[in-house]
PDB file of all heavy atoms in Angstrom:
ATOM      1  N   VAL A   1     -11.008 -10.230  -5.281  1.00  0.00           N
ATOM      2  CA  VAL A   1     -10.240  -9.075  -4.846  1.00  0.00           C
ATOM      3  C   VAL A   1      -8.878  -9.538  -4.361  1.00  0.00           C
ATOM      4  O   VAL A   1      -8.773 -10.493  -3.593  1.00  0.00           O
ATOM      5  CB  VAL A   1     -10.962  -8.317  -3.731  1.00  0.00           C
ATOM      6  CG1 VAL A   1     -10.092  -7.185  -3.183  1.00  0.00           C
ATOM      7  CG2 VAL A   1     -12.281  -7.762  -4.239  1.00  0.00           C
ATOM      8  N   GLN A   2      -7.848  -8.832  -4.799  1.00  0.00           N
ATOM      9  CA  GLN A   2      -6.500  -9.128  -4.351  1.00  0.00           C
ATOM     10  C   GLN A   2      -5.759  -7.825  -4.086  1.00  0.00           C
ATOM     11  O   GLN A   2      -5.764  -6.913  -4.914  1.00  0.00           O
ATOM     12  CB  GLN A   2      -5.748  -9.957  -5.387  1.00  0.00           C
ATOM     13  CG  GLN A   2      -4.403 -10.459  -4.906  1.00  0.00           C
ATOM     14  CD  GLN A   2      -3.774 -11.456  -5.855  1.00  0.00           C
ATOM     15  OE1 GLN A   2      -4.199 -11.603  -7.004  1.00  0.00           O
ATOM     16  NE2 GLN A   2      -2.763 -12.157  -5.391  1.00  0.00           N
ATOM     17  N   LEU A   3      -5.133  -7.749  -2.931  1.00  0.00           N
ATOM     18  CA  LEU A   3      -4.363  -6.585  -2.527  1.00  0.00           C
ATOM     19  C   LEU A   3      -2.998  -7.064  -2.054  1.00  0.00           C
ATOM     20  O   LEU A   3      -2.917  -7.905  -1.167  1.00  0.00           O
ATOM     21  CB  LEU A   3      -5.069  -5.831  -1.404  1.00  0.00           C
ATOM     22  CG  LEU A   3      -6.475  -5.292  -1.721  1.00  0.00           C
ATOM     23  CD1 LEU A   3      -7.160  -4.819  -0.452  1.00  0.00           C
ATOM     24  CD2 LEU A   3      -6.384  -4.154  -2.726  1.00  0.00           C
ATOM     25  N   VAL A   4      -1.951  -6.525  -2.645  1.00  0.00           N
ATOM     26  CA  VAL A   4      -0.601  -6.939  -2.312  1.00  0.00           C
ATOM     27  C   VAL A   4       0.239  -5.721  -1.967  1.00  0.00           C
ATOM     28  O   VAL A   4       0.509  -4.880  -2.829  1.00  0.00           O
ATOM     29  CB  VAL A   4       0.051  -7.723  -3.463  1.00  0.00           C
ATOM     30  CG1 VAL A   4       1.456  -8.167  -3.056  1.00  0.00           C
ATOM     31  CG2 VAL A   4      -0.796  -8.929  -3.834  1.00  0.00           C
ATOM     32  N   GLU A   5       0.650  -5.643  -0.717  1.00  0.00           N
ATOM     33  CA  GLU A   5       1.443  -4.523  -0.246  1.00  0.00           C
ATOM     34  C   GLU A   5       2.932  -4.791  -0.456  1.00  0.00           C
ATOM     35  O   GLU A   5       3.375  -5.938  -0.420  1.00  0.00           O
ATOM     36  CB  GLU A   5       1.180  -4.266   1.244  1.00  0.00           C
ATOM     37  CG  GLU A   5      -0.277  -3.984   1.591  1.00  0.00           C
ATOM     38  CD  GLU A   5      -1.082  -5.237   1.883  1.00  0.00           C
ATOM     39  OE1 GLU A   5      -0.584  -6.360   1.630  1.00  0.00           O
ATOM     40  OE2 GLU A   5      -2.218  -5.100   2.372  1.00  0.00           O
ATOM     41  N   SER A   6       3.688  -3.717  -0.630  1.00  0.00           N
ATOM     42  CA  SER A   6       5.127  -3.830  -0.783  1.00  0.00           C
ATOM     43  C   SER A   6       5.789  -2.511  -0.416  1.00  0.00           C
ATOM     44  O   SER A   6       5.123  -1.499  -0.242  1.00  0.00           O
ATOM     45  CB  SER A   6       5.492  -4.225  -2.217  1.00  0.00           C
ATOM     46  OG  SER A   6       5.098  -3.224  -3.137  1.00  0.00           O
ATOM     47  N   GLY A   7       7.104  -2.539  -0.298  1.00  0.00           N
ATOM     48  CA  GLY A   7       7.859  -1.321  -0.060  1.00  0.00           C
ATOM     49  C   GLY A   7       8.359  -1.125   1.353  1.00  0.00           C
ATOM     50  O   GLY A   7       9.078  -0.159   1.627  1.00  0.00           O
ATOM     51  N   GLY A   8       8.004  -2.012   2.251  1.00  0.00           N
ATOM     52  CA  GLY A   8       8.444  -1.878   3.625  1.00  0.00           C
ATOM     53  C   GLY A   8       9.922  -2.194   3.770  1.00  0.00           C
ATOM     54  O   GLY A   8      10.586  -2.638   2.837  1.00  0.00           O
ATOM     55  N   GLY A   9      10.430  -1.940   4.965  1.00  0.00           N
ATOM     56  CA  GLY A   9      11.825  -2.195   5.235  1.00  0.00           C
ATOM     57  C   GLY A   9      12.272  -1.550   6.527  1.00  0.00           C
ATOM     58  O   GLY A   9      11.453  -1.054   7.305  1.00  0.00           O
ATOM     59  N   LEU A  10      13.568  -1.561   6.736  1.00  0.00           N
ATOM     60  CA  LEU A  10      14.173  -0.969   7.926  1.00  0.00           C
ATOM     61  C   LEU A  10      14.701   0.419   7.598  1.00  0.00           C
ATOM     62  O   LEU A  10      15.473   0.593   6.649  1.00  0.00           O
ATOM     63  CB  LEU A  10      15.314  -1.858   8.423  1.00  0.00           C
ATOM     64  CG  LEU A  10      16.150  -1.317   9.577  1.00  0.00           C
ATOM     65  CD1 LEU A  10      15.301  -1.168  10.828  1.00  0.00           C
ATOM     66  CD2 LEU A  10      17.340  -2.231   9.833  1.00  0.00           C
ATOM     67  N   VAL A  11      14.272   1.394   8.375  1.00  0.00           N
ATOM     68  CA  VAL A  11      14.737   2.769   8.191  1.00  0.00           C
ATOM     69  C   VAL A  11      15.057   3.380   9.542  1.00  0.00           C
ATOM     70  O   VAL A  11      14.532   2.962  10.573  1.00  0.00           O
ATOM     71  CB  VAL A  11      13.697   3.643   7.465  1.00  0.00           C
ATOM     72  CG1 VAL A  11      13.456   3.138   6.052  1.00  0.00           C
ATOM     73  CG2 VAL A  11      12.391   3.673   8.243  1.00  0.00           C
ATOM     74  N   GLN A  12      15.922   4.384   9.524  1.00  0.00           N
ATOM     75  CA  GLN A  12      16.265   5.101  10.744  1.00  0.00           C
ATOM     76  C   GLN A  12      15.215   6.155  11.062  1.00  0.00           C
ATOM     77  O   GLN A  12      14.513   6.631  10.161  1.00  0.00           O
ATOM     78  CB  GLN A  12      17.631   5.761  10.600  1.00  0.00           C
ATOM     79  CG  GLN A  12      18.788   4.793  10.464  1.00  0.00           C
ATOM     80  CD  GLN A  12      20.126   5.490  10.425  1.00  0.00           C
ATOM     81  OE1 GLN A  12      20.218   6.664  10.075  1.00  0.00           O
ATOM     82  NE2 GLN A  12      21.175   4.771  10.795  1.00  0.00           N
ATOM     83  N   PRO A  13      15.076   6.517  12.323  1.00  0.00           N
ATOM     84  CA  PRO A  13      14.166   7.611  12.660  1.00  0.00           C
ATOM     85  C   PRO A  13      14.488   8.846  11.835  1.00  0.00           C
ATOM     86  O   PRO A  13      15.648   9.206  11.660  1.00  0.00           O
ATOM     87  CB  PRO A  13      14.430   7.837  14.143  1.00  0.00           C
ATOM     88  CG  PRO A  13      14.889   6.504  14.637  1.00  0.00           C
ATOM     89  CD  PRO A  13      15.711   5.935  13.510  1.00  0.00           C
ATOM     90  N   GLY A  14      13.445   9.485  11.326  1.00  0.00           N
ATOM     91  CA  GLY A  14      13.619  10.638  10.465  1.00  0.00           C
ATOM     92  C   GLY A  14      13.714  10.290   8.997  1.00  0.00           C
ATOM     93  O   GLY A  14      13.686  11.188   8.145  1.00  0.00           O
ATOM     94  N   GLY A  15      13.816   9.023   8.690  1.00  0.00           N
ATOM     95  CA  GLY A  15      13.928   8.577   7.322  1.00  0.00           C
ATOM     96  C   GLY A  15      12.599   8.528   6.605  1.00  0.00           C
ATOM     97  O   GLY A  15      11.551   8.844   7.169  1.00  0.00           O
ATOM     98  N   SER A  16      12.651   8.116   5.347  1.00  0.00           N
ATOM     99  CA  SER A  16      11.461   8.071   4.503  1.00  0.00           C
ATOM    100  C   SER A  16      11.324   6.711   3.839  1.00  0.00           C
ATOM    101  O   SER A  16      12.297   5.981   3.653  1.00  0.00           O
ATOM    102  CB  SER A  16      11.526   9.150   3.419  1.00  0.00           C
ATOM    103  OG  SER A  16      11.579  10.447   3.978  1.00  0.00           O
ATOM    104  N   LEU A  17      10.100   6.407   3.468  1.00  0.00           N
ATOM    105  CA  LEU A  17       9.797   5.141   2.819  1.00  0.00           C
ATOM    106  C   LEU A  17       8.493   5.292   2.061  1.00  0.00           C
ATOM    107  O   LEU A  17       7.595   5.995   2.519  1.00  0.00           O
ATOM    108  CB  LEU A  17       9.678   4.037   3.869  1.00  0.00           C
ATOM    109  CG  LEU A  17       9.921   2.580   3.470  1.00  0.00           C
ATOM    110  CD1 LEU A  17      11.340   2.398   2.949  1.00  0.00           C
ATOM    111  CD2 LEU A  17       9.673   1.677   4.668  1.00  0.00           C
ATOM    112  N   ARG A  18       8.377   4.648   0.912  1.00  0.00           N
ATOM    113  CA  ARG A  18       7.128   4.658   0.164  1.00  0.00           C
ATOM    114  C   ARG A  18       6.583   3.246   0.045  1.00  0.00           C
ATOM    115  O   ARG A  18       7.259   2.344  -0.456  1.00  0.00           O
ATOM    116  CB  ARG A  18       7.312   5.257  -1.231  1.00  0.00           C
ATOM    117  CG  ARG A  18       5.972   5.447  -1.956  1.00  0.00           C
ATOM    118  CD  ARG A  18       6.111   6.070  -3.332  1.00  0.00           C
ATOM    119  NE  ARG A  18       6.574   5.121  -4.328  1.00  0.00           N
ATOM    120  CZ  ARG A  18       6.390   5.262  -5.635  1.00  0.00           C
ATOM    121  NH1 ARG A  18       5.765   6.332  -6.108  1.00  0.00           N
ATOM    122  NH2 ARG A  18       6.860   4.350  -6.467  1.00  0.00           N
ATOM    123  N   LEU A  19       5.358   3.080   0.476  1.00  0.00           N
ATOM    124  CA  LEU A  19       4.673   1.810   0.372  1.00  0.00           C
ATOM    125  C   LEU A  19       3.759   1.796  -0.841  1.00  0.00           C
ATOM    126  O   LEU A  19       3.214   2.826  -1.234  1.00  0.00           O
ATOM    127  CB  LEU A  19       3.842   1.537   1.627  1.00  0.00           C
ATOM    128  CG  LEU A  19       4.565   1.651   2.974  1.00  0.00           C
ATOM    129  CD1 LEU A  19       3.612   1.270   4.095  1.00  0.00           C
ATOM    130  CD2 LEU A  19       5.813   0.784   2.995  1.00  0.00           C
ATOM    131  N   SER A  20       3.584   0.621  -1.414  1.00  0.00           N
ATOM    132  CA  SER A  20       2.687   0.452  -2.544  1.00  0.00           C
ATOM    133  C   SER A  20       1.701  -0.669  -2.264  1.00  0.00           C
ATOM    134  O   SER A  20       1.996  -1.598  -1.510  1.00  0.00           O
ATOM    135  CB  SER A  20       3.475   0.123  -3.816  1.00  0.00           C
ATOM    136  OG  SER A  20       4.348   1.172  -4.176  1.00  0.00           O
ATOM    137  N   CYS A  21       0.548  -0.573  -2.875  1.00  0.00           N
ATOM    138  CA  CYS A  21      -0.469  -1.603  -2.773  1.00  0.00           C
ATOM    139  C   CYS A  21      -1.009  -1.861  -4.172  1.00  0.00           C
ATOM    140  O   CYS A  21      -1.657  -0.990  -4.761  1.00  0.00           O
ATOM    141  CB  CYS A  21      -1.592  -1.161  -1.835  1.00  0.00           C
ATOM    142  SG  CYS A  21      -3.054  -2.222  -1.855  1.00  0.00           S
ATOM    143  N   ALA A  22      -0.728  -3.029  -4.692  1.00  0.00           N
ATOM    144  CA  ALA A  22      -1.209  -3.413  -6.013  1.00  0.00           C
ATOM    145  C   ALA A  22      -2.572  -4.075  -5.876  1.00  0.00           C
ATOM    146  O   ALA A  22      -2.712  -5.070  -5.170  1.00  0.00           O
ATOM    147  CB  ALA A  22      -0.220  -4.362  -6.676  1.00  0.00           C
ATOM    148  N   ALA A  23      -3.563  -3.519  -6.550  1.00  0.00           N
ATOM    149  CA  ALA A  23      -4.932  -3.998  -6.441  1.00  0.00           C
ATOM    150  C   ALA A  23      -5.391  -4.652  -7.738  1.00  0.00           C
ATOM    151  O   ALA A  23      -5.037  -4.215  -8.831  1.00  0.00           O
ATOM    152  CB  ALA A  23      -5.869  -2.844  -6.087  1.00  0.00           C
ATOM    153  N   SER A  24      -6.205  -5.685  -7.592  1.00  0.00           N
ATOM    154  CA  SER A  24      -6.773  -6.347  -8.755  1.00  0.00           C
ATOM    155  C   SER A  24      -8.070  -7.043  -8.359  1.00  0.00           C
ATOM    156  O   SER A  24      -8.345  -7.243  -7.177  1.00  0.00           O
ATOM    157  CB  SER A  24      -5.783  -7.356  -9.357  1.00  0.00           C
ATOM    158  OG  SER A  24      -5.474  -8.376  -8.423  1.00  0.00           O
ATOM    159  N   GLY A  25      -8.868  -7.404  -9.353  1.00  0.00           N
ATOM    160  CA  GLY A  25     -10.083  -8.153  -9.102  1.00  0.00           C
ATOM    161  C   GLY A  25     -11.302  -7.315  -8.763  1.00  0.00           C
ATOM    162  O   GLY A  25     -12.354  -7.870  -8.429  1.00  0.00           O
ATOM    163  N   PHE A  26     -11.184  -6.017  -8.839  1.00  0.00           N
ATOM    164  CA  PHE A  26     -12.320  -5.135  -8.599  1.00  0.00           C
ATOM    165  C   PHE A  26     -12.078  -3.795  -9.275  1.00  0.00           C
ATOM    166  O   PHE A  26     -10.966  -3.517  -9.733  1.00  0.00           O
ATOM    167  CB  PHE A  26     -12.582  -4.960  -7.102  1.00  0.00           C
ATOM    168  CG  PHE A  26     -11.496  -4.230  -6.361  1.00  0.00           C
ATOM    169  CD1 PHE A  26     -11.646  -2.899  -6.017  1.00  0.00           C
ATOM    170  CD2 PHE A  26     -10.328  -4.874  -5.999  1.00  0.00           C
ATOM    171  CE1 PHE A  26     -10.658  -2.220  -5.328  1.00  0.00           C
ATOM    172  CE2 PHE A  26      -9.321  -4.210  -5.308  1.00  0.00           C
ATOM    173  CZ  PHE A  26      -9.489  -2.889  -4.976  1.00  0.00           C
ATOM    174  N   ALA A  27     -13.127  -2.978  -9.324  1.00  0.00           N
ATOM    175  CA  ALA A  27     -13.021  -1.673  -9.973  1.00  0.00           C
ATOM    176  C   ALA A  27     -12.335  -0.692  -9.035  1.00  0.00           C
ATOM    177  O   ALA A  27     -12.986   0.111  -8.354  1.00  0.00           O
ATOM    178  CB  ALA A  27     -14.398  -1.176 -10.380  1.00  0.00           C
ATOM    179  N   PHE A  28     -11.038  -0.760  -9.015  1.00  0.00           N
ATOM    180  CA  PHE A  28     -10.226   0.032  -8.095  1.00  0.00           C
ATOM    181  C   PHE A  28     -10.577   1.512  -8.141  1.00  0.00           C
ATOM    182  O   PHE A  28     -10.671   2.168  -7.106  1.00  0.00           O
ATOM    183  CB  PHE A  28      -8.752  -0.188  -8.429  1.00  0.00           C
ATOM    184  CG  PHE A  28      -7.797   0.613  -7.595  1.00  0.00           C
ATOM    185  CD1 PHE A  28      -7.484   0.228  -6.305  1.00  0.00           C
ATOM    186  CD2 PHE A  28      -7.200   1.755  -8.115  1.00  0.00           C
ATOM    187  CE1 PHE A  28      -6.592   0.958  -5.538  1.00  0.00           C
ATOM    188  CE2 PHE A  28      -6.306   2.493  -7.362  1.00  0.00           C
ATOM    189  CZ  PHE A  28      -6.014   2.093  -6.072  1.00  0.00           C
ATOM    190  N   ARG A  29     -10.764   2.052  -9.308  1.00  0.00           N
ATOM    191  CA  ARG A  29     -10.968   3.488  -9.467  1.00  0.00           C
ATOM    192  C   ARG A  29     -12.253   3.994  -8.818  1.00  0.00           C
ATOM    193  O   ARG A  29     -12.411   5.207  -8.624  1.00  0.00           O
ATOM    194  CB  ARG A  29     -10.946   3.876 -10.941  1.00  0.00           C
ATOM    195  CG  ARG A  29     -12.060   3.246 -11.755  1.00  0.00           C
ATOM    196  CD  ARG A  29     -12.020   3.730 -13.191  1.00  0.00           C
ATOM    197  NE  ARG A  29     -13.007   3.087 -14.032  1.00  0.00           N
ATOM    198  CZ  ARG A  29     -13.294   3.453 -15.271  1.00  0.00           C
ATOM    199  NH1 ARG A  29     -12.648   4.471 -15.820  1.00  0.00           N
ATOM    200  NH2 ARG A  29     -14.214   2.804 -15.963  1.00  0.00           N
ATOM    201  N   TYR A  30     -13.165   3.100  -8.489  1.00  0.00           N
ATOM    202  CA  TYR A  30     -14.433   3.487  -7.874  1.00  0.00           C
ATOM    203  C   TYR A  30     -14.446   3.276  -6.357  1.00  0.00           C
ATOM    204  O   TYR A  30     -15.472   3.527  -5.720  1.00  0.00           O
ATOM    205  CB  TYR A  30     -15.590   2.712  -8.495  1.00  0.00           C
ATOM    206  CG  TYR A  30     -15.825   3.032  -9.954  1.00  0.00           C
ATOM    207  CD1 TYR A  30     -15.986   2.023 -10.892  1.00  0.00           C
ATOM    208  CD2 TYR A  30     -15.888   4.357 -10.386  1.00  0.00           C
ATOM    209  CE1 TYR A  30     -16.202   2.314 -12.230  1.00  0.00           C
ATOM    210  CE2 TYR A  30     -16.105   4.664 -11.717  1.00  0.00           C
ATOM    211  CZ  TYR A  30     -16.265   3.634 -12.637  1.00  0.00           C
ATOM    212  OH  TYR A  30     -16.479   3.929 -13.962  1.00  0.00           O
ATOM    213  N   TYR A  31     -13.341   2.838  -5.794  1.00  0.00           N
ATOM    214  CA  TYR A  31     -13.307   2.518  -4.376  1.00  0.00           C
ATOM    215  C   TYR A  31     -12.491   3.499  -3.554  1.00  0.00           C
ATOM    216  O   TYR A  31     -11.389   3.899  -3.932  1.00  0.00           O
ATOM    217  CB  TYR A  31     -12.736   1.118  -4.160  1.00  0.00           C
ATOM    218  CG  TYR A  31     -13.762   0.024  -4.270  1.00  0.00           C
ATOM    219  CD1 TYR A  31     -14.211  -0.416  -5.507  1.00  0.00           C
ATOM    220  CD2 TYR A  31     -14.278  -0.573  -3.116  1.00  0.00           C
ATOM    221  CE1 TYR A  31     -15.158  -1.419  -5.608  1.00  0.00           C
ATOM    222  CE2 TYR A  31     -15.220  -1.581  -3.214  1.00  0.00           C
ATOM    223  CZ  TYR A  31     -15.653  -2.000  -4.463  1.00  0.00           C
ATOM    224  OH  TYR A  31     -16.579  -3.002  -4.558  1.00  0.00           O
ATOM    225  N   VAL A  32     -13.035   3.878  -2.416  1.00  0.00           N
ATOM    226  CA  VAL A  32     -12.243   4.524  -1.381  1.00  0.00           C
ATOM    227  C   VAL A  32     -11.271   3.486  -0.839  1.00  0.00           C
ATOM    228  O   VAL A  32     -11.639   2.328  -0.645  1.00  0.00           O
ATOM    229  CB  VAL A  32     -13.138   5.061  -0.250  1.00  0.00           C
ATOM    230  CG1 VAL A  32     -12.292   5.603   0.906  1.00  0.00           C
ATOM    231  CG2 VAL A  32     -14.070   6.139  -0.783  1.00  0.00           C
ATOM    232  N   MET A  33     -10.042   3.900  -0.620  1.00  0.00           N
ATOM    233  CA  MET A  33      -9.027   2.991  -0.116  1.00  0.00           C
ATOM    234  C   MET A  33      -8.415   3.534   1.165  1.00  0.00           C
ATOM    235  O   MET A  33      -8.443   4.737   1.428  1.00  0.00           O
ATOM    236  CB  MET A  33      -7.931   2.777  -1.163  1.00  0.00           C
ATOM    237  CG  MET A  33      -8.410   2.131  -2.452  1.00  0.00           C
ATOM    238  SD  MET A  33      -8.985   0.416  -2.229  1.00  0.00           S
ATOM    239  CE  MET A  33      -7.469  -0.395  -1.726  1.00  0.00           C
ATOM    240  N   ALA A  34      -7.858   2.637   1.945  1.00  0.00           N
ATOM    241  CA  ALA A  34      -7.282   3.017   3.224  1.00  0.00           C
ATOM    242  C   ALA A  34      -5.984   2.268   3.487  1.00  0.00           C
ATOM    243  O   ALA A  34      -5.766   1.164   2.973  1.00  0.00           O
ATOM    244  CB  ALA A  34      -8.268   2.746   4.356  1.00  0.00           C
ATOM    245  N   TRP A  35      -5.137   2.873   4.285  1.00  0.00           N
ATOM    246  CA  TRP A  35      -3.969   2.213   4.855  1.00  0.00           C
ATOM    247  C   TRP A  35      -4.231   1.991   6.341  1.00  0.00           C
ATOM    248  O   TRP A  35      -4.694   2.895   7.034  1.00  0.00           O
ATOM    249  CB  TRP A  35      -2.709   3.050   4.679  1.00  0.00           C
ATOM    250  CG  TRP A  35      -2.132   3.013   3.296  1.00  0.00           C
ATOM    251  CD1 TRP A  35      -2.268   3.948   2.318  1.00  0.00           C
ATOM    252  CD2 TRP A  35      -1.316   1.975   2.744  1.00  0.00           C
ATOM    253  NE1 TRP A  35      -1.586   3.566   1.190  1.00  0.00           N
ATOM    254  CE2 TRP A  35      -0.994   2.362   1.418  1.00  0.00           C
ATOM    255  CE3 TRP A  35      -0.820   0.760   3.235  1.00  0.00           C
ATOM    256  CZ2 TRP A  35      -0.202   1.569   0.583  1.00  0.00           C
ATOM    257  CZ3 TRP A  35      -0.035  -0.026   2.404  1.00  0.00           C
ATOM    258  CH2 TRP A  35       0.267   0.384   1.093  1.00  0.00           C
ATOM    259  N   VAL A  36      -3.921   0.795   6.774  1.00  0.00           N
ATOM    260  CA  VAL A  36      -4.111   0.399   8.161  1.00  0.00           C
ATOM    261  C   VAL A  36      -2.829  -0.273   8.625  1.00  0.00           C
ATOM    262  O   VAL A  36      -2.163  -0.935   7.832  1.00  0.00           O
ATOM    263  CB  VAL A  36      -5.302  -0.570   8.295  1.00  0.00           C
ATOM    264  CG1 VAL A  36      -5.535  -0.947   9.751  1.00  0.00           C
ATOM    265  CG2 VAL A  36      -6.561   0.049   7.702  1.00  0.00           C
ATOM    266  N   ARG A  37      -2.481  -0.119   9.878  1.00  0.00           N
ATOM    267  CA  ARG A  37      -1.256  -0.731  10.368  1.00  0.00           C
ATOM    268  C   ARG A  37      -1.495  -1.454  11.690  1.00  0.00           C
ATOM    269  O   ARG A  37      -2.452  -1.184  12.407  1.00  0.00           O
ATOM    270  CB  ARG A  37      -0.146   0.311  10.541  1.00  0.00           C
ATOM    271  CG  ARG A  37      -0.407   1.343  11.633  1.00  0.00           C
ATOM    272  CD  ARG A  37       0.671   2.412  11.612  1.00  0.00           C
ATOM    273  NE  ARG A  37       0.473   3.415  12.645  1.00  0.00           N
ATOM    274  CZ  ARG A  37       1.215   4.508  12.786  1.00  0.00           C
ATOM    275  NH1 ARG A  37       2.211   4.747  11.945  1.00  0.00           N
ATOM    276  NH2 ARG A  37       0.961   5.364  13.766  1.00  0.00           N
TER     277      ARG A  37
END
């Protein structure tokens, strides 16, 4: 299993950002996924 996050950065309050997580090594489509910080 490999999970690689990307898309972070510096933003001002009120701004927007999109994060991505590239998954491999398992049947991604059959898994519940979560974001944790």
